[in-house]
Amino acid sequence: MSSRTKTSRLYRLWSLAVLAAAITAMVWFATGHRTELRQIFETLRDGLPITTQAEAAGQSAWLDSGPTTIDPQELASLDIEEQDRSDDDYERDEFGSSWLDVDENSCDTRNDILARDLVDVTYEDGADCEIADGTLHDPYTGTTIEGNLSEDVEIDHIVSLGDAWYSGAEQWSDEKRERFANDPSNLVAVDGPANTSKSDDSISEWYPHWDAPGDTVECRYAAAYVHVLAEYDLSVTRDDYTLLKQLEANCKELA
C-alpha cells in the first residue's frame, strides 16, 4: 500500500498551527490585541499550500460515495479461471458505440458521471445536461484538474470493457454489454492520461504500475472492482484473486 501523501501531513501541521493561533486568540482578545492577532491569522491563512486549500474545498465525490473495504462474500463468490487473451478478439463496439440515457433523465451517462464527480460545473449555453467545464479532484492521481473536459477528463470503466470481455462478457447479449458499459457503479471521472495508461488491464496488470495518491483510493477502487465483478458474475485470474485477497486484508486493517 502507498504511504500517506505529503500534502496530508502538511495539512495536519498547518491545522495544529491554526489551532495554536486560536488558543492564542483567546488570550490576546482578553488583553485587547485585536489588530495584532488579525495580522497573525492572515499570515497563517495566506501561507497555506495551494494543494492543501484544494483538499479543504473537497475531494473526489466518487471516493466518498462507496465502501473502502472489500466485501468478503462478494470476493468469495468470484470464479477463478484462466483467461485466454491470445485471440485478441475484443472490440470496443461490442459494448455499444455511444453513451446511453440509462436512467431516463434525458442526460447521457457521460454527463451524469461528470455531474456526479465534478464540482463547480458549468453547462453549454442553453443546455440542461451537456457539461462544458468543471473541477475534478482526480482520485487516480490526487491532482485537481480544471479545463477542457474533452481533453483533460475521461470516464473510466473500473472493470474495463476489455477485462470484462475476457472475464465472461463475450457470452452476453448486446443489450447486457451496453448496460454494463453505462452502469454508474462501474464508472468514475478521472485524469485522461491515467485512464489511457490503465487501458483494458485487469487489476493485477494495472495495480503494480499505479502511483495511487493514498491508501483510501486504492481500497475504494478494489472494493468497487470486486462489487462489479460479483454483480455481473465475471471471473478473475489467479493473479487478480491473489492481489484482491491481499487488498482485502490490508484495507480491513485501515478501516
Protein backbone atom coordinates (compact mmCIF):
# COMPACT_ATOMS: atom_id res chain seq x y z
CA MET A 1 0.00 0.00 0.00
CA SER A 2 1.24 3.51 -0.71
CA SER A 3 2.17 5.89 2.10
CA ARG A 4 0.03 8.82 3.04
CA THR A 5 0.72 11.88 0.98
CA LYS A 6 2.99 14.73 1.95
CA THR A 7 0.07 17.10 1.46
CA SER A 8 -1.94 15.34 4.15
CA ARG A 9 0.96 15.69 6.61
CA LEU A 10 1.30 19.37 5.77
CA TYR A 11 -2.40 19.83 6.29
CA ARG A 12 -2.22 18.35 9.77
CA LEU A 13 0.76 20.56 10.66
CA TRP A 14 -0.98 23.67 9.48
CA SER A 15 -4.16 22.64 11.27
CA LEU A 16 -2.16 22.48 14.51
CA ALA A 17 -0.70 25.89 13.75
CA VAL A 18 -4.16 27.36 13.22
CA LEU A 19 -5.35 25.71 16.45
CA ALA A 20 -2.42 27.27 18.32
CA ALA A 21 -3.34 30.64 16.85
CA ALA A 22 -6.92 30.19 18.01
CA ILE A 23 -5.78 29.45 21.56
CA THR A 24 -3.51 32.48 21.44
CA ALA A 25 -6.51 34.48 20.27
CA MET A 26 -8.41 33.89 23.48
CA VAL A 27 -5.53 35.26 25.49
CA TRP A 28 -4.90 38.24 23.23
CA PHE A 29 -8.57 39.18 22.99
CA ALA A 30 -8.60 39.39 26.75
CA THR A 31 -5.81 41.97 26.59
CA GLY A 32 -7.18 43.94 23.64
CA HIS A 33 -4.59 42.99 20.95
CA ARG A 34 -7.15 42.54 18.20
CA THR A 35 -5.17 44.20 15.40
CA GLU A 36 -2.01 42.19 16.03
CA LEU A 37 -3.99 38.94 16.23
CA ARG A 38 -5.71 39.58 12.90
CA GLN A 39 -2.36 40.11 11.21
CA ILE A 40 -1.03 36.81 12.60
CA PHE A 41 -4.12 34.89 11.46
CA GLU A 42 -3.99 36.34 7.93
CA THR A 43 -0.31 35.40 7.65
CA LEU A 44 -1.07 31.80 8.62
CA ARG A 45 -4.03 31.58 6.24
CA ASP A 46 -2.17 33.01 3.24
CA GLY A 47 0.75 30.66 3.87
CA LEU A 48 -1.33 27.51 3.38
CA PRO A 49 -0.11 25.41 0.39
CA ILE A 50 -2.37 25.69 -2.65
CA THR A 51 -2.90 21.91 -2.78
CA THR A 52 -4.00 21.94 0.85
CA GLN A 53 -6.57 24.62 0.12
CA ALA A 54 -7.90 22.45 -2.71
CA GLU A 55 -8.17 19.49 -0.35
CA ALA A 56 -10.06 21.61 2.15
CA ALA A 57 -12.52 22.56 -0.61
CA GLY A 58 -13.33 18.90 -1.29
CA GLN A 59 -12.12 15.68 -2.83
CA SER A 60 -13.40 13.19 -5.34
CA ALA A 61 -17.13 12.66 -4.92
CA TRP A 62 -16.64 9.08 -6.12
CA LEU A 63 -14.08 8.48 -3.38
CA ASP A 64 -16.64 9.45 -0.76
CA SER A 65 -19.56 7.61 -2.35
CA GLY A 66 -18.86 3.99 -1.52
CA PRO A 67 -17.09 1.46 0.69
CA THR A 68 -13.33 1.30 1.14
CA THR A 69 -13.27 -2.33 2.23
CA ILE A 70 -13.82 -5.36 0.01
CA ASP A 71 -16.98 -7.31 0.72
CA PRO A 72 -15.64 -10.78 1.70
CA GLN A 73 -18.77 -12.53 0.44
CA GLU A 74 -18.53 -10.84 -2.94
CA LEU A 75 -14.85 -11.76 -3.22
CA ALA A 76 -15.55 -15.37 -2.23
CA SER A 77 -18.24 -15.62 -4.90
CA LEU A 78 -15.83 -14.93 -7.78
CA ASP A 79 -14.80 -17.80 -10.03
CA ILE A 80 -11.07 -18.12 -10.70
CA GLU A 81 -10.46 -19.01 -14.34
CA GLU A 82 -7.67 -18.93 -16.86
CA GLN A 83 -8.43 -16.32 -19.48
CA ASP A 84 -7.11 -16.81 -22.99
CA ARG A 85 -6.50 -13.35 -24.43
CA SER A 86 -4.31 -14.59 -27.26
CA ASP A 87 -7.13 -14.40 -29.82
CA ASP A 88 -7.38 -10.63 -29.27
CA ASP A 89 -10.98 -10.68 -30.48
CA TYR A 90 -12.26 -7.88 -28.25
CA GLU A 91 -13.72 -4.81 -29.99
CA ARG A 92 -14.91 -1.71 -28.13
CA ASP A 93 -18.06 -1.51 -30.26
CA GLU A 94 -19.21 -4.82 -28.75
CA PHE A 95 -20.33 -2.70 -25.77
CA GLY A 96 -22.15 -0.10 -27.85
CA SER A 97 -20.85 2.87 -29.80
CA SER A 98 -22.16 5.74 -27.67
CA TRP A 99 -23.28 6.74 -24.18
CA LEU A 100 -26.91 5.96 -23.32
CA ASP A 101 -29.53 7.58 -21.12
CA VAL A 102 -29.94 4.55 -18.88
CA ASP A 103 -31.80 6.33 -16.06
CA GLU A 104 -34.13 8.16 -18.46
CA ASN A 105 -33.35 11.61 -17.09
CA SER A 106 -32.72 12.99 -20.59
CA CYS A 107 -28.95 13.14 -19.94
CA ASP A 108 -26.47 10.60 -21.26
CA THR A 109 -24.31 8.60 -18.87
CA ARG A 110 -21.12 10.59 -19.53
CA ASN A 111 -22.74 13.85 -18.45
CA ASP A 112 -24.39 12.12 -15.47
CA ILE A 113 -20.96 10.96 -14.24
CA LEU A 114 -19.37 14.37 -14.81
CA ALA A 115 -22.20 15.99 -12.84
CA ARG A 116 -21.70 13.43 -10.05
CA ASP A 117 -17.90 13.55 -9.80
CA LEU A 118 -17.03 17.18 -10.60
CA VAL A 119 -17.64 20.39 -8.67
CA ASP A 120 -18.30 23.92 -9.96
CA VAL A 121 -19.70 22.56 -13.22
CA THR A 122 -20.94 24.83 -15.99
CA TYR A 123 -23.19 23.80 -18.85
CA GLU A 124 -23.16 24.56 -22.54
CA ASP A 125 -25.30 27.59 -23.39
CA GLY A 126 -28.95 26.60 -23.35
CA ALA A 127 -28.22 23.01 -22.28
CA ASP A 128 -29.55 21.24 -19.20
CA CYS A 129 -27.19 18.24 -19.43
CA GLU A 130 -24.15 18.93 -21.58
CA ILE A 131 -21.38 19.94 -19.19
CA ALA A 132 -18.80 22.32 -20.62
CA ASP A 133 -16.42 22.77 -17.72
CA GLY A 134 -15.81 21.96 -14.08
CA THR A 135 -13.25 20.98 -11.45
CA LEU A 136 -12.21 17.39 -10.85
CA HIS A 137 -10.41 16.25 -7.72
CA ASP A 138 -8.97 13.25 -9.52
CA PRO A 139 -8.96 10.08 -7.39
CA TYR A 140 -6.40 8.26 -9.54
CA THR A 141 -3.63 10.89 -9.35
CA GLY A 142 -4.63 13.13 -6.44
CA THR A 143 -4.42 16.22 -8.64
CA THR A 144 -7.03 18.91 -9.20
CA ILE A 145 -7.96 19.34 -12.87
CA GLU A 146 -9.66 22.33 -14.42
CA GLY A 147 -10.08 23.00 -18.12
CA ASN A 148 -11.38 21.49 -21.30
CA LEU A 149 -13.21 18.34 -20.25
CA SER A 150 -12.93 16.78 -23.70
CA GLU A 151 -9.13 16.80 -23.40
CA ASP A 152 -8.34 16.53 -19.70
CA VAL A 153 -11.09 14.39 -18.13
CA GLU A 154 -12.28 10.97 -19.22
CA ILE A 155 -14.79 8.45 -17.86
CA ASP A 156 -13.06 5.25 -16.77
CA HIS A 157 -14.64 1.82 -16.52
CA ILE A 158 -13.38 0.46 -13.19
CA VAL A 159 -13.65 -3.05 -14.59
CA SER A 160 -12.51 -2.22 -18.10
CA LEU A 161 -14.56 -3.38 -21.04
CA GLY A 162 -11.69 -5.49 -22.38
CA ASP A 163 -11.20 -7.07 -18.97
CA ALA A 164 -14.92 -7.81 -18.77
CA TRP A 165 -14.92 -9.31 -22.29
CA TYR A 166 -12.39 -11.98 -21.36
CA SER A 167 -13.99 -12.50 -17.94
CA GLY A 168 -17.35 -13.58 -19.32
CA ALA A 169 -18.95 -10.67 -21.20
CA GLU A 170 -18.13 -12.25 -24.55
CA GLN A 171 -21.09 -14.56 -23.91
CA TRP A 172 -23.54 -11.77 -23.08
CA SER A 173 -26.20 -10.24 -25.25
CA ASP A 174 -25.54 -6.87 -26.90
CA GLU A 175 -28.08 -5.28 -24.56
CA LYS A 176 -26.34 -6.54 -21.44
CA ARG A 177 -22.96 -5.33 -22.67
CA GLU A 178 -24.40 -1.87 -23.34
CA ARG A 179 -25.93 -1.82 -19.87
CA PHE A 180 -22.59 -2.79 -18.35
CA ALA A 181 -20.76 -0.04 -20.27
CA ASN A 182 -23.23 2.53 -18.90
CA ASP A 183 -23.51 1.29 -15.31
CA PRO A 184 -22.66 4.20 -12.95
CA SER A 185 -21.29 1.78 -10.33
CA ASN A 186 -18.55 0.88 -12.82
CA LEU A 187 -17.75 4.45 -13.88
CA VAL A 188 -15.61 7.27 -12.49
CA ALA A 189 -14.37 10.58 -13.91
CA VAL A 190 -10.57 10.63 -13.91
CA ASP A 191 -7.47 12.22 -15.39
CA GLY A 192 -7.32 11.40 -19.12
CA PRO A 193 -3.69 10.18 -19.25
CA ALA A 194 -4.24 8.00 -16.18
CA ASN A 195 -7.22 6.39 -17.89
CA THR A 196 -5.19 5.81 -21.05
CA SER A 197 -2.42 4.22 -19.01
CA LYS A 198 -4.87 1.85 -17.33
CA SER A 199 -6.38 0.89 -20.70
CA ASP A 200 -8.02 -2.59 -20.62
CA ASP A 201 -5.82 -4.05 -17.89
CA SER A 202 -7.21 -6.18 -15.10
CA ILE A 203 -6.43 -5.09 -11.55
CA SER A 204 -3.33 -7.30 -11.24
CA GLU A 205 -1.97 -5.90 -14.51
CA TRP A 206 -2.58 -2.25 -13.65
CA TYR A 207 -2.15 -2.02 -9.88
CA PRO A 208 1.66 -2.56 -9.71
CA HIS A 209 2.16 0.42 -12.04
CA TRP A 210 -0.40 2.71 -10.39
CA ASP A 211 1.11 5.50 -8.30
CA ALA A 212 -2.02 5.97 -6.21
CA PRO A 213 -2.26 9.12 -4.08
CA GLY A 214 -3.14 7.18 -0.92
CA ASP A 215 -4.43 4.03 0.73
CA THR A 216 -8.06 5.12 0.73
CA VAL A 217 -8.37 5.37 -3.04
CA GLU A 218 -6.66 2.00 -3.51
CA CYS A 219 -9.18 0.39 -1.20
CA ARG A 220 -12.13 2.26 -2.71
CA TYR A 221 -11.08 1.08 -6.18
CA ALA A 222 -10.59 -2.52 -5.07
CA ALA A 223 -13.98 -2.59 -3.33
CA ALA A 224 -15.71 -1.20 -6.42
CA TYR A 225 -13.83 -3.62 -8.70
CA VAL A 226 -14.95 -6.65 -6.67
CA HIS A 227 -18.52 -5.39 -6.43
CA VAL A 228 -18.85 -5.00 -10.19
CA LEU A 229 -17.34 -8.43 -10.87
CA ALA A 230 -19.70 -10.05 -8.38
CA GLU A 231 -22.73 -8.11 -9.65
CA TYR A 232 -22.16 -9.31 -13.21
CA ASP A 233 -20.84 -12.78 -12.35
CA LEU A 234 -17.48 -12.13 -14.00
CA SER A 235 -14.42 -14.27 -13.32
CA VAL A 236 -10.91 -13.33 -12.22
CA THR A 237 -7.49 -14.74 -12.96
CA ARG A 238 -5.41 -16.34 -10.22
CA ASP A 239 -3.19 -13.24 -10.13
CA ASP A 240 -6.22 -10.97 -9.77
CA TYR A 241 -7.62 -13.04 -6.92
CA THR A 242 -4.30 -13.21 -5.06
CA LEU A 243 -3.96 -9.42 -5.20
CA LEU A 244 -7.57 -8.87 -4.15
CA LYS A 245 -7.14 -11.16 -1.13
CA GLN A 246 -4.12 -9.12 -0.12
CA LEU A 247 -6.05 -5.87 -0.54
CA GLU A 248 -8.98 -7.31 1.40
CA ALA A 249 -6.73 -7.83 4.43
CA ASN A 250 -4.87 -4.53 4.07
CA CYS A 251 -7.99 -2.45 3.65
CA LYS A 252 -9.71 -4.12 6.57
CA GLU A 253 -6.82 -3.03 8.80
CA LEU A 254 -7.20 0.56 7.63
CA ALA A 255 -10.97 0.71 8.16
